[in-house]
């Protein structure tokens, strides 16, 4: 390989910006937490996300219907899995007295309810809001639908499109989603 080719290869690698990784965190529930029957088991099915979010980069909405992936700002794991784990922790903190477990449950337990969640939006807007739109269903122990719900959360960010604020605002949105689901489970 010529020295010019090696020089170009090395200079190209040296100039790239390092990736920054972000994660979602469970947020403390807003009081009061929802009380459930002691010993109640609730199953959480895997959360479904749109295809455009199944990528490592944080996705933002810029203008109109345009989506932009932040090249160097990435999720620290699979977004779908992080959403699921964060929602699971939030539900366990929100629904007191119940054990919320990831489905399928490998033990000899039959959940009294199962929760299914479809995420329609999970991004930030150029205008400075992090947006979560989700549809959810609560099923009985025989997998029959009991309740349906829709949660829309718009959390403002002081600095639009700042990845730290996006991750924090979307984490809070998942707390609010867990609150809506928990309130419905208490009925």
Protein backbone atom coordinates (compact mmCIF):
# COMPACT_ATOMS: atom_id res chain seq x y z
CA UNK A 1 0.00 0.00 0.00
CA UNK A 2 1.40 3.37 -0.88
CA UNK A 3 2.31 5.82 1.86
CA UNK A 4 -0.27 8.28 0.48
CA UNK A 5 -3.06 5.70 0.86
CA UNK A 6 -1.97 4.92 4.43
CA UNK A 7 -1.84 8.64 5.26
CA UNK A 8 -5.37 9.17 3.87
CA UNK A 9 -6.69 6.16 5.76
CA UNK A 10 -5.15 7.28 9.07
CA UNK A 11 -6.23 10.89 8.69
CA UNK A 12 -9.78 9.81 7.87
CA UNK A 13 -10.00 7.71 11.02
CA UNK A 14 -8.39 10.34 13.22
CA UNK A 15 -10.92 12.99 12.21
CA UNK A 16 -14.11 11.12 13.11
CA UNK A 17 -15.99 12.19 16.18
CA UNK A 18 -16.49 9.54 18.89
CA UNK A 19 -20.00 8.25 19.51
CA UNK A 20 -21.82 9.28 22.67
CA UNK A 21 -24.11 6.70 24.26
CA UNK A 22 -27.35 7.42 26.11
CA UNK A 23 -29.74 5.32 28.13
CA UNK A 24 -33.24 5.59 29.54
CA UNK A 25 -33.82 5.59 33.28
CA UNK A 26 -36.80 4.71 35.41
CA UNK A 27 -38.16 7.77 37.16
CA UNK A 28 -39.74 7.84 40.62
CA UNK A 29 -43.53 7.55 40.34
CA UNK A 30 -45.70 10.56 40.88
CA UNK A 31 -47.49 10.12 44.20
CA UNK A 32 -49.79 8.52 45.02
CA UNK A 33 -48.75 5.17 43.62
CA UNK A 34 -51.61 2.89 42.60
CA UNK A 35 -52.48 0.13 45.08
CA UNK A 36 -53.14 -3.34 43.74
CA UNK A 37 -54.25 -6.59 45.37
CA UNK A 38 -51.27 -8.03 47.29
CA UNK A 39 -49.63 -10.89 45.42
CA UNK A 40 -51.13 -9.89 42.08
CA UNK A 41 -48.99 -10.78 39.07
CA UNK A 42 -49.10 -8.60 35.95
CA UNK A 43 -47.33 -9.56 32.74
CA UNK A 44 -45.75 -7.03 30.38
CA UNK A 45 -45.50 -8.15 26.77
CA UNK A 46 -42.61 -6.84 24.70
CA UNK A 47 -43.13 -3.22 23.71
CA UNK A 48 -43.43 -2.69 19.94
CA UNK A 49 -41.70 0.29 18.31
CA UNK A 50 -41.88 1.59 14.72
CA UNK A 51 -39.22 0.41 12.28
CA UNK A 52 -37.63 3.85 11.96
CA UNK A 53 -36.67 3.71 15.66
CA UNK A 54 -34.96 0.32 15.37
CA UNK A 55 -31.53 1.81 14.90
CA UNK A 56 -28.70 2.79 17.26
CA UNK A 57 -28.89 6.55 16.58
CA UNK A 58 -31.24 8.87 18.43
CA UNK A 59 -33.93 9.95 15.96
CA UNK A 60 -35.32 13.50 15.89
CA UNK A 61 -38.05 15.20 13.84
CA UNK A 62 -36.73 18.25 12.08
CA UNK A 63 -39.18 19.83 9.63
CA UNK A 64 -42.53 18.47 8.53
CA UNK A 65 -42.28 14.73 8.13
CA UNK A 66 -38.49 14.63 8.03
CA UNK A 67 -36.62 12.42 10.49
CA UNK A 68 -32.91 12.82 11.21
CA UNK A 69 -30.67 10.31 12.93
CA UNK A 70 -28.07 11.95 15.18
CA UNK A 71 -24.93 10.30 13.81
CA UNK A 72 -22.79 10.43 16.95
CA UNK A 73 -25.55 10.33 19.57
CA UNK A 74 -26.64 6.75 20.02
CA UNK A 75 -28.69 4.66 22.37
CA UNK A 76 -26.54 2.55 24.68
CA UNK A 77 -28.49 -0.58 23.72
CA UNK A 78 -31.44 -1.70 21.67
CA UNK A 79 -34.04 1.05 22.06
CA UNK A 80 -36.95 -1.40 22.08
CA UNK A 81 -35.36 -3.36 24.93
CA UNK A 82 -34.46 -0.19 26.88
CA UNK A 83 -38.05 1.09 26.58
CA UNK A 84 -39.36 -2.27 27.74
CA UNK A 85 -37.01 -2.49 30.76
CA UNK A 86 -37.66 1.12 31.78
CA UNK A 87 -41.43 0.69 31.50
CA UNK A 88 -41.21 -2.54 33.52
CA UNK A 89 -39.32 -0.78 36.33
CA UNK A 90 -41.73 2.17 36.21
CA UNK A 91 -44.77 -0.13 36.40
CA UNK A 92 -43.29 -1.99 39.38
CA UNK A 93 -42.77 1.36 41.13
CA UNK A 94 -46.25 2.61 40.19
CA UNK A 95 -48.45 -0.41 40.95
CA UNK A 96 -47.85 -1.12 44.66
CA UNK A 97 -48.50 -4.63 45.92
CA UNK A 98 -48.24 -6.24 42.48
CA UNK A 99 -45.34 -7.91 40.76
CA UNK A 100 -44.99 -6.81 37.15
CA UNK A 101 -42.99 -9.40 35.22
CA UNK A 102 -41.70 -9.61 31.68
CA UNK A 103 -43.65 -12.03 29.49
CA UNK A 104 -43.35 -14.85 28.89
CA UNK A 105 -43.30 -15.72 32.57
CA UNK A 106 -41.24 -18.86 33.01
CA UNK A 107 -42.69 -19.84 36.37
CA UNK A 108 -45.94 -21.61 37.14
CA UNK A 109 -47.64 -18.24 37.47
CA UNK A 110 -50.60 -17.05 35.50
CA UNK A 111 -50.75 -13.27 35.39
CA UNK A 112 -54.08 -11.78 36.40
CA UNK A 113 -53.53 -9.19 33.66
CA UNK A 114 -51.22 -8.73 30.71
CA UNK A 115 -50.23 -5.33 29.33
CA UNK A 116 -49.42 -4.81 25.65
CA UNK A 117 -47.89 -1.53 24.44
CA UNK A 118 -47.35 -0.17 20.92
CA UNK A 119 -45.17 2.93 20.68
CA UNK A 120 -46.19 5.20 17.78
CA UNK A 121 -43.75 8.05 18.51
CA UNK A 122 -40.67 8.25 20.69
CA UNK A 123 -38.58 11.17 19.50
CA UNK A 124 -37.76 14.84 19.95
CA UNK A 125 -38.95 17.75 17.84
CA UNK A 126 -36.81 20.58 16.58
CA UNK A 127 -39.16 22.94 18.45
CA UNK A 128 -37.89 21.56 21.76
CA UNK A 129 -40.33 18.87 22.88
CA UNK A 130 -39.77 15.18 23.47
CA UNK A 131 -42.84 13.25 22.34
CA UNK A 132 -44.18 9.84 23.34
CA UNK A 133 -47.34 8.52 21.73
CA UNK A 134 -48.41 5.03 22.75
CA UNK A 135 -51.41 2.75 22.47
CA UNK A 136 -51.86 0.13 25.17
CA UNK A 137 -54.18 -2.71 26.09
CA UNK A 138 -54.87 -4.54 29.33
CA UNK A 139 -55.91 -8.17 28.93
CA UNK A 140 -57.46 -10.49 31.51
CA UNK A 141 -55.99 -13.86 32.51
CA UNK A 142 -57.65 -15.46 29.46
CA UNK A 143 -56.10 -12.87 27.11
CA UNK A 144 -59.42 -11.11 26.55
CA UNK A 145 -59.19 -7.32 26.19
CA UNK A 146 -60.40 -5.42 29.27
CA UNK A 147 -59.29 -1.86 28.59
CA UNK A 148 -57.66 0.14 25.86
CA UNK A 149 -55.80 3.38 26.30
CA UNK A 150 -53.74 5.97 24.53
CA UNK A 151 -51.07 8.09 26.15
CA UNK A 152 -49.56 11.20 24.59
CA UNK A 153 -46.79 12.99 26.47
CA UNK A 154 -45.02 16.15 25.30
CA UNK A 155 -42.16 17.11 27.60
CA UNK A 156 -40.43 20.44 26.96
CA UNK A 157 -36.65 20.63 26.77
CA UNK A 158 -34.66 23.77 27.58
CA UNK A 159 -32.20 23.07 24.78
CA UNK A 160 -33.88 21.63 21.67
CA UNK A 161 -32.28 18.50 20.23
CA UNK A 162 -29.81 18.12 23.11
CA UNK A 163 -29.34 14.32 23.43
CA UNK A 164 -28.98 14.41 27.25
CA UNK A 165 -32.27 16.27 27.51
CA UNK A 166 -33.93 14.01 24.94
CA UNK A 167 -33.03 10.90 26.97
CA UNK A 168 -34.17 12.51 30.23
CA UNK A 169 -37.45 13.84 28.78
CA UNK A 170 -38.30 10.52 27.12
CA UNK A 171 -37.50 8.71 30.39
CA UNK A 172 -40.05 10.96 32.15
CA UNK A 173 -42.55 10.25 29.38
CA UNK A 174 -42.23 6.52 30.11
CA UNK A 175 -42.97 7.26 33.78
CA UNK A 176 -46.17 9.04 32.70
CA UNK A 177 -47.11 6.11 30.46
CA UNK A 178 -46.64 3.73 33.42
CA UNK A 179 -48.85 6.03 35.51
CA UNK A 180 -51.67 5.87 32.95
CA UNK A 181 -51.42 2.08 32.67
CA UNK A 182 -51.18 1.70 36.45
CA UNK A 183 -54.29 3.82 37.01
CA UNK A 184 -56.20 1.63 34.56
CA UNK A 185 -54.94 -1.56 36.26
CA UNK A 186 -56.37 -0.28 39.55
CA UNK A 187 -59.93 -0.14 38.13
